[in-house]
Amino acid sequence: MLRNSSIPNDAIKQFEETYEEELHLMAVIKLCDMSEMLAEMIFDLCWEGA
């Protein structure tokens, strides 16, 4: 990533690790939202069909 900068390698490595962890958490949150949206869609279909 930032190979030709004056930032120490430890700082770059820490940033990359934090970014990967945050990205993973965002993906998990998005999956949780998707299951809730799917449940709402199923409920709406059942409600309209009744």
C-alpha atoms as a PDB file:
ATOM      1  CA  MET A   1       0.000   0.000   0.000  1.00  0.00           C
ATOM      2  CA  LEU A   2       1.855   3.176   1.074  1.00  0.00           C
ATOM      3  CA  ARG A   3       5.332   1.815   0.321  1.00  0.00           C
ATOM      4  CA  ASN A   4       7.065   5.064  -0.751  1.00  0.00           C
ATOM      5  CA  SER A   5       5.922   7.235   2.141  1.00  0.00           C
ATOM      6  CA  SER A   6       7.639   8.428   5.296  1.00  0.00           C
ATOM      7  CA  ILE A   7       5.094   6.623   7.511  1.00  0.00           C
ATOM      8  CA  PRO A   8       6.718   3.868   9.616  1.00  0.00           C
ATOM      9  CA  ASN A   9       5.951   0.295   8.555  1.00  0.00           C
ATOM     10  CA  ASP A  10       4.376  -0.494  11.951  1.00  0.00           C
ATOM     11  CA  ALA A  11       1.849   2.317  11.512  1.00  0.00           C
ATOM     12  CA  ILE A  12       0.974   1.118   8.011  1.00  0.00           C
ATOM     13  CA  LYS A  13       0.566  -2.473   9.214  1.00  0.00           C
ATOM     14  CA  GLN A  14      -1.630  -1.364  12.141  1.00  0.00           C
ATOM     15  CA  PHE A  15      -3.795   0.728   9.806  1.00  0.00           C
ATOM     16  CA  GLU A  16      -4.226  -2.189   7.382  1.00  0.00           C
ATOM     17  CA  GLU A  17      -5.197  -4.574  10.217  1.00  0.00           C
ATOM     18  CA  THR A  18      -7.703  -2.086  11.654  1.00  0.00           C
ATOM     19  CA  TYR A  19      -9.178  -1.410   8.224  1.00  0.00           C
ATOM     20  CA  GLU A  20      -9.610  -5.138   7.529  1.00  0.00           C
ATOM     21  CA  GLU A  21     -11.306  -5.645  10.922  1.00  0.00           C
ATOM     22  CA  GLU A  22     -13.666  -2.691  10.370  1.00  0.00           C
ATOM     23  CA  LEU A  23     -14.485  -3.922   6.867  1.00  0.00           C
ATOM     24  CA  HIS A  24     -15.317  -7.378   8.267  1.00  0.00           C
ATOM     25  CA  LEU A  25     -17.588  -5.850  10.916  1.00  0.00           C
ATOM     26  CA  MET A  26     -19.376  -3.806   8.260  1.00  0.00           C
ATOM     27  CA  ALA A  27     -19.942  -6.973   6.215  1.00  0.00           C
ATOM     28  CA  VAL A  28     -21.398  -8.777   9.244  1.00  0.00           C
ATOM     29  CA  ILE A  29     -23.716  -5.844   9.986  1.00  0.00           C
ATOM     30  CA  LYS A  30     -24.858  -5.790   6.360  1.00  0.00           C
ATOM     31  CA  LEU A  31     -25.640  -9.525   6.495  1.00  0.00           C
ATOM     32  CA  CYS A  32     -27.693  -8.988   9.661  1.00  0.00           C
ATOM     33  CA  ASP A  33     -29.655  -6.249   7.919  1.00  0.00           C
ATOM     34  CA  MET A  34     -30.270  -8.523   4.939  1.00  0.00           C
ATOM     35  CA  SER A  35     -31.856 -11.256   7.071  1.00  0.00           C
ATOM     36  CA  GLU A  36     -34.124  -8.687   8.728  1.00  0.00           C
ATOM     37  CA  MET A  37     -35.138  -7.290   5.342  1.00  0.00           C
ATOM     38  CA  LEU A  38     -35.854 -10.805   4.065  1.00  0.00           C
ATOM     39  CA  ALA A  39     -38.076 -11.523   7.090  1.00  0.00           C
ATOM     40  CA  GLU A  40     -39.975  -8.273   6.483  1.00  0.00           C
ATOM     41  CA  MET A  41     -40.480  -9.147   2.810  1.00  0.00           C
ATOM     42  CA  ILE A  42     -41.813 -12.612   3.711  1.00  0.00           C
ATOM     43  CA  PHE A  43     -44.158 -11.070   6.278  1.00  0.00           C
ATOM     44  CA  ASP A  44     -45.399  -8.563   3.693  1.00  0.00           C
ATOM     45  CA  LEU A  45     -46.061 -11.362   1.181  1.00  0.00           C
ATOM     46  CA  CYS A  46     -47.970 -13.412   3.764  1.00  0.00           C
ATOM     47  CA  TRP A  47     -49.953 -10.339   4.824  1.00  0.00           C
ATOM     48  CA  GLU A  48     -50.925  -9.523   1.231  1.00  0.00           C
ATOM     49  CA  GLY A  49     -51.839 -13.161   0.541  1.00  0.00           C
ATOM     50  CA  ALA A  50     -54.171 -13.415   3.544  1.00  0.00           C
END
